[in-house]
C-alpha atoms as a PDB file:
ATOM      1  CA  MET A   1      -8.739  -8.970  -2.500  1.00  0.00           C
ATOM      2  CA  LYS A   2      -7.646  -8.883   1.122  1.00  0.00           C
ATOM      3  CA  TYR A   3      -4.068  -9.953   0.371  1.00  0.00           C
ATOM      4  CA  LEU A   4      -3.501  -6.862  -1.781  1.00  0.00           C
ATOM      5  CA  LEU A   5      -4.853  -4.214   0.611  1.00  0.00           C
ATOM      6  CA  GLY A   6      -1.522  -2.432   1.090  1.00  0.00           C
ATOM      7  CA  TYR A   7      -0.766  -2.197  -2.622  1.00  0.00           C
ATOM      8  CA  SER A   8      -1.431   0.651  -5.034  1.00  0.00           C
ATOM      9  CA  GLU A   9      -4.707   1.014  -6.886  1.00  0.00           C
ATOM     10  CA  GLU A  10      -2.851   0.296 -10.146  1.00  0.00           C
ATOM     11  CA  ILE A  11      -1.622  -3.089  -8.906  1.00  0.00           C
ATOM     12  CA  LYS A  12      -5.111  -3.953  -7.634  1.00  0.00           C
ATOM     13  CA  ARG A  13      -6.565  -2.919 -11.014  1.00  0.00           C
ATOM     14  CA  GLN A  14      -4.092  -5.121 -12.900  1.00  0.00           C
ATOM     15  CA  ALA A  15      -4.866  -8.044 -10.590  1.00  0.00           C
ATOM     16  CA  SER A  16      -8.605  -7.526 -11.152  1.00  0.00           C
ATOM     17  CA  ILE A  17      -8.079  -7.563 -14.914  1.00  0.00           C
ATOM     18  CA  LEU A  18      -6.087 -10.812 -14.741  1.00  0.00           C
ATOM     19  CA  LEU A  19      -8.804 -12.354 -12.575  1.00  0.00           C
ATOM     20  CA  SER A  20     -11.670 -11.171 -14.789  1.00  0.00           C
ATOM     21  CA  GLN A  21      -9.888 -12.502 -17.885  1.00  0.00           C
ATOM     22  CA  ASN A  22      -9.193 -15.775 -16.030  1.00  0.00           C
ATOM     23  CA  ARG A  23      -5.446 -15.314 -16.741  1.00  0.00           C
ATOM     24  CA  LEU A  24      -3.970 -15.051 -13.230  1.00  0.00           C
ATOM     25  CA  SER A  25      -3.263 -18.778 -13.017  1.00  0.00           C
ATOM     26  CA  GLU A  26      -1.613 -18.721 -16.457  1.00  0.00           C
ATOM     27  CA  VAL A  27       0.662 -15.832 -15.463  1.00  0.00           C
ATOM     28  CA  LEU A  28       1.649 -17.440 -12.151  1.00  0.00           C
ATOM     29  CA  LEU A  29       2.245 -20.884 -13.655  1.00  0.00           C
ATOM     30  CA  GLN A  30       4.386 -19.409 -16.414  1.00  0.00           C
ATOM     31  CA  LYS A  31       6.503 -17.412 -13.964  1.00  0.00           C
ATOM     32  CA  TYR A  32       6.717 -20.179 -11.326  1.00  0.00           C
ATOM     33  CA  PRO A  33       6.334 -23.514 -13.123  1.00  0.00           C
ATOM     34  CA  ALA A  34       7.294 -26.033 -10.424  1.00  0.00           C
ATOM     35  CA  VAL A  35       6.701 -26.832  -6.764  1.00  0.00           C
ATOM     36  CA  HIS A  36       9.541 -27.295  -4.245  1.00  0.00           C
ATOM     37  CA  ASP A  37      10.329 -30.741  -2.823  1.00  0.00           C
ATOM     38  CA  ILE A  38      10.386 -29.954   0.921  1.00  0.00           C
ATOM     39  CA  ARG A  39       7.616 -32.076   2.417  1.00  0.00           C
ATOM     40  CA  SER A  40       8.568 -32.878   6.012  1.00  0.00           C
ATOM     41  CA  ASP A  41       9.213 -30.762   9.082  1.00  0.00           C
ATOM     42  CA  SER A  42      12.729 -32.207   9.200  1.00  0.00           C
ATOM     43  CA  ALA A  43      13.482 -31.150   5.630  1.00  0.00           C
ATOM     44  CA  LEU A  44      12.007 -27.716   6.360  1.00  0.00           C
ATOM     45  CA  TYR A  45      14.184 -27.397   9.476  1.00  0.00           C
ATOM     46  CA  HIS A  46      17.359 -28.151   7.503  1.00  0.00           C
ATOM     47  CA  TYR A  47      16.312 -25.740   4.744  1.00  0.00           C
ATOM     48  CA  VAL A  48      15.702 -22.944   7.274  1.00  0.00           C
ATOM     49  CA  ILE A  49      18.968 -23.587   9.140  1.00  0.00           C
ATOM     50  CA  ASP A  50      20.950 -23.583   5.871  1.00  0.00           C
ATOM     51  CA  LEU A  51      19.454 -20.206   4.912  1.00  0.00           C
ATOM     52  CA  LYS A  52      20.042 -18.827   8.400  1.00  0.00           C
ATOM     53  CA  ASN A  53      23.665 -19.970   8.398  1.00  0.00           C
ATOM     54  CA  ASN A  54      24.258 -18.449   4.966  1.00  0.00           C
ATOM     55  CA  TYR A  55      22.819 -15.030   5.787  1.00  0.00           C
ATOM     56  CA  ILE A  56      22.507 -14.375   9.517  1.00  0.00           C
ATOM     57  CA  ARG A  57      25.068 -16.567  11.262  1.00  0.00           C
ATOM     58  CA  ASN A  58      25.125 -14.511  14.452  1.00  0.00           C
ATOM     59  CA  ALA A  59      21.390 -14.897  15.122  1.00  0.00           C
ATOM     60  CA  GLN A  60      20.164 -17.613  17.458  1.00  0.00           C
ATOM     61  CA  SER A  61      18.971 -20.693  15.567  1.00  0.00           C
ATOM     62  CA  PRO A  62      15.329 -21.609  15.938  1.00  0.00           C
ATOM     63  CA  SER A  63      14.794 -24.612  18.193  1.00  0.00           C
ATOM     64  CA  LYS A  64      11.778 -25.763  16.196  1.00  0.00           C
ATOM     65  CA  VAL A  65      10.732 -25.334  12.577  1.00  0.00           C
ATOM     66  CA  MET A  66       7.570 -26.903  11.238  1.00  0.00           C
ATOM     67  CA  PHE A  67       4.679 -26.748   8.825  1.00  0.00           C
ATOM     68  CA  ASP A  68       1.548 -25.815  10.776  1.00  0.00           C
ATOM     69  CA  ASN A  69      -2.011 -26.690   9.734  1.00  0.00           C
ATOM     70  CA  ASP A  70      -3.522 -24.137  12.139  1.00  0.00           C
ATOM     71  CA  ILE A  71      -1.891 -21.009  10.743  1.00  0.00           C
ATOM     72  CA  ARG A  72      -4.504 -20.683   7.994  1.00  0.00           C
ATOM     73  CA  ALA A  73      -7.080 -19.918  10.690  1.00  0.00           C
ATOM     74  CA  ILE A  74      -5.148 -16.846  11.821  1.00  0.00           C
ATOM     75  CA  GLN A  75      -6.115 -13.899   9.640  1.00  0.00           C
ATOM     76  CA  ARG A  76      -3.353 -12.761   7.280  1.00  0.00           C
ATOM     77  CA  ALA A  77      -0.595 -14.962   8.767  1.00  0.00           C
ATOM     78  CA  LEU A  78       1.569 -16.960   6.376  1.00  0.00           C
ATOM     79  CA  GLY A  79       4.151 -17.978   8.921  1.00  0.00           C
ATOM     80  CA  LEU A  80       4.883 -17.295  12.554  1.00  0.00           C
ATOM     81  CA  HIS A  81       8.016 -16.566  14.497  1.00  0.00           C
ATOM     82  CA  THR A  82       7.639 -16.971  18.240  1.00  0.00           C
ATOM     83  CA  ALA A  83      10.092 -16.423  21.051  1.00  0.00           C
ATOM     84  CA  ILE A  84       9.426 -18.471  24.157  1.00  0.00           C
ATOM     85  CA  SER A  85      11.178 -17.704  27.435  1.00  0.00           C
ATOM     86  CA  ARG A  86      11.303 -20.269  30.228  1.00  0.00           C
ATOM     87  CA  VAL A  87      13.077 -20.488  33.537  1.00  0.00           C
ATOM     88  CA  GLN A  88      15.123 -23.679  33.778  1.00  0.00           C
ATOM     89  CA  GLY A  89      17.285 -24.278  36.829  1.00  0.00           C
ATOM     90  CA  GLY A  90      17.323 -20.622  37.809  1.00  0.00           C
ATOM     91  CA  LYS A  91      18.343 -19.503  34.297  1.00  0.00           C
ATOM     92  CA  LEU A  92      16.185 -17.801  31.734  1.00  0.00           C
ATOM     93  CA  LYS A  93      16.221 -19.782  28.473  1.00  0.00           C
ATOM     94  CA  ALA A  94      14.878 -18.271  25.260  1.00  0.00           C
ATOM     95  CA  LYS A  95      13.797 -20.423  22.346  1.00  0.00           C
ATOM     96  CA  ASN A  96      12.695 -19.335  18.896  1.00  0.00           C
ATOM     97  CA  GLU A  97      10.223 -21.266  16.793  1.00  0.00           C
ATOM     98  CA  ILE A  98       9.299 -20.816  13.152  1.00  0.00           C
ATOM     99  CA  ARG A  99       6.016 -22.180  11.880  1.00  0.00           C
ATOM    100  CA  ILE A 100       5.087 -22.061   8.201  1.00  0.00           C
ATOM    101  CA  ALA A 101       1.493 -22.483   7.035  1.00  0.00           C
ATOM    102  CA  SER A 102       0.966 -25.975   5.593  1.00  0.00           C
ATOM    103  CA  LEU A 103      -0.413 -24.316   2.466  1.00  0.00           C
ATOM    104  CA  PHE A 104       3.250 -23.717   1.540  1.00  0.00           C
ATOM    105  CA  LYS A 105       4.055 -27.429   1.199  1.00  0.00           C
ATOM    106  CA  GLU A 106       2.711 -27.243  -2.360  1.00  0.00           C
ATOM    107  CA  VAL A 107       4.079 -24.005  -3.809  1.00  0.00           C
ATOM    108  CA  PRO A 108       7.055 -22.946  -5.925  1.00  0.00           C
ATOM    109  CA  PRO A 109      10.434 -22.777  -4.139  1.00  0.00           C
ATOM    110  CA  GLU A 110      10.493 -18.981  -4.489  1.00  0.00           C
ATOM    111  CA  PHE A 111       7.314 -18.647  -2.407  1.00  0.00           C
ATOM    112  CA  LEU A 112       8.621 -20.921   0.346  1.00  0.00           C
ATOM    113  CA  LYS A 113      11.938 -19.078   0.431  1.00  0.00           C
ATOM    114  CA  MET A 114      10.173 -15.705   0.694  1.00  0.00           C
ATOM    115  CA  ILE A 115       8.155 -16.869   3.707  1.00  0.00           C
ATOM    116  CA  VAL A 116      11.218 -18.428   5.370  1.00  0.00           C
ATOM    117  CA  VAL A 117      13.315 -15.308   4.722  1.00  0.00           C
ATOM    118  CA  HIS A 118      10.556 -13.207   6.290  1.00  0.00           C
ATOM    119  CA  GLU A 119      10.444 -15.364   9.420  1.00  0.00           C
ATOM    120  CA  LEU A 120      14.244 -15.552   9.658  1.00  0.00           C
ATOM    121  CA  ALA A 121      14.457 -11.759   9.499  1.00  0.00           C
ATOM    122  CA  HIS A 122      12.398 -11.694  12.693  1.00  0.00           C
ATOM    123  CA  LEU A 123      15.302 -13.403  14.479  1.00  0.00           C
ATOM    124  CA  LYS A 124      17.173 -10.085  14.189  1.00  0.00           C
ATOM    125  CA  GLU A 125      14.423  -7.504  13.678  1.00  0.00           C
ATOM    126  CA  LYS A 126      11.153  -7.909  15.574  1.00  0.00           C
ATOM    127  CA  ASP A 127       9.241  -5.131  13.792  1.00  0.00           C
ATOM    128  CA  HIS A 128       8.406  -4.686  10.124  1.00  0.00           C
ATOM    129  CA  ASN A 129      10.647  -1.652   9.758  1.00  0.00           C
ATOM    130  CA  LYS A 130      13.198  -0.470   7.199  1.00  0.00           C
ATOM    131  CA  ALA A 131      15.980  -2.618   8.705  1.00  0.00           C
ATOM    132  CA  PHE A 132      13.683  -5.680   8.609  1.00  0.00           C
ATOM    133  CA  TYR A 133      12.941  -5.316   4.887  1.00  0.00           C
ATOM    134  CA  LYS A 134      16.579  -4.514   4.125  1.00  0.00           C
ATOM    135  CA  LEU A 135      17.524  -7.815   5.775  1.00  0.00           C
ATOM    136  CA  CYS A 136      14.827  -9.648   3.772  1.00  0.00           C
ATOM    137  CA  VAL A 137      16.181  -8.195   0.505  1.00  0.00           C
ATOM    138  CA  SER A 138      19.739  -9.117   1.473  1.00  0.00           C
ATOM    139  CA  MET A 139      18.614 -12.757   1.800  1.00  0.00           C
ATOM    140  CA  GLU A 140      16.320 -12.663  -1.264  1.00  0.00           C
ATOM    141  CA  PRO A 141      16.982  -9.805  -3.725  1.00  0.00           C
ATOM    142  CA  ASP A 142      13.568 -10.290  -5.406  1.00  0.00           C
ATOM    143  CA  TYR A 143      11.781 -10.353  -2.029  1.00  0.00           C
ATOM    144  CA  HIS A 144       9.234  -7.620  -2.806  1.00  0.00           C
ATOM    145  CA  GLN A 145       8.275  -9.005  -6.235  1.00  0.00           C
ATOM    146  CA  ILE A 146       7.944 -12.538  -4.883  1.00  0.00           C
ATOM    147  CA  GLU A 147       5.830 -11.243  -1.985  1.00  0.00           C
ATOM    148  CA  LEU A 148       3.488  -9.538  -4.474  1.00  0.00           C
ATOM    149  CA  ASP A 149       3.302 -12.692  -6.611  1.00  0.00           C
ATOM    150  CA  LEU A 150       2.635 -14.782  -3.503  1.00  0.00           C
ATOM    151  CA  ARG A 151      -0.172 -12.411  -2.538  1.00  0.00           C
ATOM    152  CA  LEU A 152      -1.590 -12.761  -6.051  1.00  0.00           C
ATOM    153  CA  TYR A 153      -1.460 -16.548  -5.618  1.00  0.00           C
ATOM    154  CA  LEU A 154      -3.250 -16.293  -2.247  1.00  0.00           C
ATOM    155  CA  THR A 155      -5.885 -14.127  -3.910  1.00  0.00           C
ATOM    156  CA  HIS A 156      -6.272 -16.861  -6.544  1.00  0.00           C
ATOM    157  CA  VAL A 157      -6.625 -19.497  -3.801  1.00  0.00           C
ATOM    158  CA  ASP A 158      -9.316 -17.426  -2.063  1.00  0.00           C
ATOM    159  CA  LEU A 159     -11.331 -16.739  -5.202  1.00  0.00           C
ATOM    160  CA  LEU A 160     -10.648 -19.683  -7.522  1.00  0.00           C
ATOM    161  CA  GLY A 161      -8.860 -22.394  -5.536  1.00  0.00           C
ATOM    162  CA  LYS A 162      -5.322 -23.766  -5.490  1.00  0.00           C
ATOM    163  CA  LEU A 163      -3.170 -24.032  -8.575  1.00  0.00           C
ATOM    164  CA  GLU A 164      -1.737 -27.356  -9.634  1.00  0.00           C
ATOM    165  CA  TRP A 165       2.025 -26.855  -9.885  1.00  0.00           C
ATOM    166  CA  SER A 166       4.185 -29.444 -11.605  1.00  0.00           C
ATOM    167  CA  ARG A 167       6.744 -31.389  -9.587  1.00  0.00           C
ATOM    168  CA  ARG A 168      10.397 -30.493  -9.993  1.00  0.00           C
ATOM    169  CA  SER A 169      12.428 -33.219 -11.611  1.00  0.00           C
END
């Protein structure tokens, strides 16, 4: 259960029980019954910018936001925030990009928001420190619980395959 490595033995034990009883999917589907409706890079960009403008107005907006099929290949990455610096006309220009693993096109809105919040927090805090997680919680009060549930879902994907979420109406 590589996605749960940093968690307590008790949480890992409970996850193992749910998996052995074949109940993890039931628990996740009950808690998160529907998938979000953001399907395109354009829709994702607008979603990210709206969240950024609501919570961290003074941070530089990302120049590019997209779903990325290649992120799955990078071990333990769910999304990426990159800062690119280029010299243009004698001036140093910095651009931020946010890439979200394509796996998150078909998940509940809470999971997508948690990943986006995480990547947006990197616009202000580069390291995973106390200030970083405080910013994440300010944007999503249930951040830590949703992150755990997302990690449980990723464990399910690894061991049993994807869940079939219903579409939101």
